[in-house]
């Protein structure tokens, strides 16, 4: 073992002397390229959460329940969450008359202040209570009607001739039209329990 180390030191010294004798100047560490890096994970980002007011039924009465979701929350997200129904924890105290949809409905607007919720073909007409749930949820969502696709993009209102009341631009949606296959229902957002604000 000692001989191996001694031989290695002798060889290294001889090489250094030879290079120096040949005019090759000794040098330090030469840096080339970027420093080696290992696998690193970026710091986790904390999503901005906001409260969305969803309207369910407690003992047959319309009640508001706050649900956290990533910001920005909009009317489409609120409608999708509403049709998904109460969570397991919420279902211990609340119910819904809205059908559970595998695919969220399309949410559209017109030139006034109405929101149209276009439902899949197999959905039966909604009850008045279900329409109240929908109207209150939509009217308390962050509704920007200009950002919603126009109802004309889906071929009108499914045969409904009802025209929603027109209010000043930028006002909350107060009228909701649920549109199904061969039916439509209209509900205004009156007497909604107060929404929960974040």
Protein backbone atom coordinates (compact mmCIF):
# COMPACT_ATOMS: atom_id res chain seq x y z
CA UNK A 1 0.00 0.00 0.00
CA UNK A 2 2.82 2.41 0.91
CA UNK A 3 4.65 1.50 -2.29
CA UNK A 4 1.54 2.26 -4.39
CA UNK A 5 1.14 5.68 -2.84
CA UNK A 6 4.84 6.40 -3.18
CA UNK A 7 4.78 5.32 -6.82
CA UNK A 8 1.79 7.57 -7.51
CA UNK A 9 3.45 10.56 -5.87
CA UNK A 10 6.69 9.95 -7.73
CA UNK A 11 4.87 9.67 -11.07
CA UNK A 12 2.89 12.86 -10.43
CA UNK A 13 6.04 14.76 -9.43
CA UNK A 14 7.91 13.52 -12.49
CA UNK A 15 5.07 14.58 -14.77
CA UNK A 16 4.92 18.05 -13.22
CA UNK A 17 8.69 18.49 -13.61
CA UNK A 18 8.56 17.31 -17.23
CA UNK A 19 5.77 19.75 -18.11
CA UNK A 20 7.60 22.62 -16.42
CA UNK A 21 10.82 21.71 -18.24
CA UNK A 22 8.95 21.76 -21.55
CA UNK A 23 7.74 25.31 -20.97
CA UNK A 24 4.18 24.49 -19.96
CA UNK A 25 3.34 26.83 -17.07
CA UNK A 26 1.45 25.36 -14.13
CA UNK A 27 -2.13 26.55 -13.79
CA UNK A 28 -4.90 26.51 -11.24
CA UNK A 29 -8.41 25.21 -11.67
CA UNK A 30 -9.90 26.20 -15.02
CA UNK A 31 -13.65 26.88 -14.85
CA UNK A 32 -15.70 25.95 -17.88
CA UNK A 33 -19.48 25.97 -18.31
CA UNK A 34 -22.12 26.35 -15.60
CA UNK A 35 -21.72 24.92 -12.15
CA UNK A 36 -23.26 21.50 -11.66
CA UNK A 37 -26.70 21.55 -10.16
CA UNK A 38 -28.79 18.82 -8.61
CA UNK A 39 -32.51 18.19 -8.83
CA UNK A 40 -34.26 20.97 -6.99
CA UNK A 41 -37.94 21.65 -6.63
CA UNK A 42 -39.26 25.19 -6.79
CA UNK A 43 -40.85 26.64 -3.72
CA UNK A 44 -44.52 25.66 -3.57
CA UNK A 45 -46.87 28.40 -4.73
CA UNK A 46 -49.78 29.22 -2.53
CA UNK A 47 -52.93 29.62 -4.62
CA UNK A 48 -55.06 32.66 -3.89
CA UNK A 49 -58.33 31.32 -2.51
CA UNK A 50 -61.64 33.13 -2.57
CA UNK A 51 -65.06 32.30 -1.15
CA UNK A 52 -67.91 31.43 -3.48
CA UNK A 53 -71.48 31.56 -2.17
CA UNK A 54 -73.46 28.48 -3.16
CA UNK A 55 -77.15 28.14 -2.35
CA UNK A 56 -78.40 24.80 -1.04
CA UNK A 57 -81.40 23.74 1.04
CA UNK A 58 -81.43 23.24 4.79
CA UNK A 59 -84.70 21.94 6.20
CA UNK A 60 -86.32 22.99 2.91
CA UNK A 61 -85.11 26.60 3.20
CA UNK A 62 -82.62 28.28 0.90
CA UNK A 63 -79.31 28.76 2.71
CA UNK A 64 -75.93 30.03 1.65
CA UNK A 65 -72.75 27.99 2.03
CA UNK A 66 -69.25 29.32 1.42
CA UNK A 67 -66.92 27.21 -0.67
CA UNK A 68 -63.23 28.01 -1.19
CA UNK A 69 -61.86 27.95 -4.72
CA UNK A 70 -58.85 29.32 -6.58
CA UNK A 71 -59.08 32.94 -7.63
CA UNK A 72 -60.44 34.37 -9.76
CA UNK A 73 -63.81 32.74 -9.25
CA UNK A 74 -66.39 33.49 -11.91
CA UNK A 75 -69.99 32.66 -12.68
CA UNK A 76 -69.13 29.51 -14.69
CA UNK A 77 -67.14 28.13 -11.77
CA UNK A 78 -69.93 28.93 -9.30
CA UNK A 79 -72.54 27.21 -11.52
CA UNK A 80 -70.31 24.16 -12.00
CA UNK A 81 -69.79 23.85 -8.23
CA UNK A 82 -73.52 24.27 -7.58
CA UNK A 83 -74.48 21.48 -9.98
CA UNK A 84 -71.80 19.23 -8.46
CA UNK A 85 -73.91 19.34 -5.30
CA UNK A 86 -73.03 19.48 -1.61
CA UNK A 87 -69.72 18.03 -0.44
CA UNK A 88 -69.73 14.97 1.82
CA UNK A 89 -69.41 17.24 4.86
CA UNK A 90 -72.15 19.61 3.65
CA UNK A 91 -74.55 16.78 2.80
CA UNK A 92 -74.91 16.03 6.50
CA UNK A 93 -76.98 19.22 6.82
CA UNK A 94 -77.96 20.39 3.30
CA UNK A 95 -79.55 19.03 0.14
CA UNK A 96 -80.17 20.27 -3.39
CA UNK A 97 -82.96 20.04 -5.93
CA UNK A 98 -80.57 20.51 -8.83
CA UNK A 99 -79.59 17.39 -10.78
CA UNK A 100 -76.02 16.16 -10.40
CA UNK A 101 -74.35 16.69 -13.78
CA UNK A 102 -71.33 14.73 -15.00
CA UNK A 103 -70.48 17.62 -17.31
CA UNK A 104 -71.04 21.21 -16.23
CA UNK A 105 -73.67 23.23 -18.13
CA UNK A 106 -72.78 25.96 -20.60
CA UNK A 107 -73.11 29.47 -19.18
CA UNK A 108 -74.00 32.25 -21.64
CA UNK A 109 -75.26 35.82 -21.59
CA UNK A 110 -77.25 38.22 -23.72
CA UNK A 111 -76.89 41.96 -24.20
CA UNK A 112 -78.82 42.68 -20.99
CA UNK A 113 -78.16 41.39 -17.49
CA UNK A 114 -79.42 37.83 -17.90
CA UNK A 115 -77.43 34.64 -17.64
CA UNK A 116 -78.46 31.54 -19.58
CA UNK A 117 -77.55 28.12 -18.20
CA UNK A 118 -77.78 25.62 -21.06
CA UNK A 119 -78.31 22.10 -19.71
CA UNK A 120 -77.67 18.72 -21.34
CA UNK A 121 -80.53 17.18 -23.33
CA UNK A 122 -81.43 14.52 -20.76
CA UNK A 123 -82.09 17.00 -17.93
CA UNK A 124 -85.75 17.41 -16.93
CA UNK A 125 -87.22 20.89 -16.27
CA UNK A 126 -85.94 22.37 -13.00
CA UNK A 127 -88.26 22.98 -10.06
CA UNK A 128 -88.88 26.50 -8.78
CA UNK A 129 -86.70 25.77 -5.74
CA UNK A 130 -83.86 24.56 -7.96
CA UNK A 131 -84.23 27.72 -10.05
CA UNK A 132 -83.95 29.83 -6.88
CA UNK A 133 -80.75 28.01 -5.95
CA UNK A 134 -79.38 28.75 -9.39
CA UNK A 135 -80.50 32.40 -9.55
CA UNK A 136 -79.11 33.26 -6.11
CA UNK A 137 -75.77 31.55 -6.81
CA UNK A 138 -75.37 33.32 -10.16
CA UNK A 139 -76.39 36.75 -8.84
CA UNK A 140 -73.81 36.55 -6.06
CA UNK A 141 -70.98 35.21 -8.21
CA UNK A 142 -68.40 37.51 -9.75
CA UNK A 143 -70.45 38.01 -12.89
CA UNK A 144 -68.80 39.78 -15.80
CA UNK A 145 -71.39 39.38 -18.53
CA UNK A 146 -69.13 40.85 -21.20
CA UNK A 147 -66.72 37.95 -20.64
CA UNK A 148 -69.41 35.30 -21.10
CA UNK A 149 -70.04 33.90 -24.58
CA UNK A 150 -73.15 35.23 -26.26
CA UNK A 151 -76.35 33.20 -26.22
CA UNK A 152 -76.44 33.60 -30.00
CA UNK A 153 -73.39 31.33 -30.17
CA UNK A 154 -75.55 28.37 -29.11
CA UNK A 155 -78.49 29.15 -31.38
CA UNK A 156 -80.75 31.29 -29.22
CA UNK A 157 -82.68 30.38 -26.10
CA UNK A 158 -83.99 26.95 -27.01
CA UNK A 159 -87.29 28.30 -28.30
CA UNK A 160 -87.94 30.59 -25.35
CA UNK A 161 -89.37 33.95 -26.36
CA UNK A 162 -88.90 35.47 -22.90
CA UNK A 163 -86.75 38.57 -22.91
CA UNK A 164 -84.90 39.34 -19.68
CA UNK A 165 -85.13 42.78 -18.13
CA UNK A 166 -82.30 45.04 -19.17
CA UNK A 167 -80.37 46.79 -16.44
CA UNK A 168 -77.40 49.07 -16.56
CA UNK A 169 -74.12 47.51 -17.73
CA UNK A 170 -71.92 46.15 -14.96
CA UNK A 171 -74.82 45.39 -12.63
CA UNK A 172 -75.07 41.87 -11.17
CA UNK A 173 -77.07 39.30 -13.09
CA UNK A 174 -80.52 39.25 -11.54
CA UNK A 175 -82.27 36.98 -14.04
CA UNK A 176 -81.33 33.41 -14.85
CA UNK A 177 -82.73 31.31 -17.68
CA UNK A 178 -82.28 27.55 -17.46
CA UNK A 179 -82.56 26.10 -20.97
CA UNK A 180 -83.09 22.40 -21.60
CA UNK A 181 -84.19 20.25 -24.53
CA UNK A 182 -87.60 21.72 -25.42
CA UNK A 183 -88.05 23.67 -22.18
CA UNK A 184 -86.85 26.81 -20.45
CA UNK A 185 -87.42 28.35 -17.04
CA UNK A 186 -86.75 31.87 -15.81
CA UNK A 187 -86.02 33.01 -12.27
CA UNK A 188 -85.08 36.36 -10.77
CA UNK A 189 -82.73 36.56 -7.80
CA UNK A 190 -85.10 38.07 -5.26
CA UNK A 191 -84.97 37.54 -1.50
CA UNK A 192 -81.70 35.58 -1.56
CA UNK A 193 -80.02 34.99 1.80
CA UNK A 194 -77.03 37.30 2.13
CA UNK A 195 -73.92 36.01 0.39
CA UNK A 196 -70.73 35.27 2.29
CA UNK A 197 -67.90 37.55 1.22
CA UNK A 198 -64.20 36.74 1.41
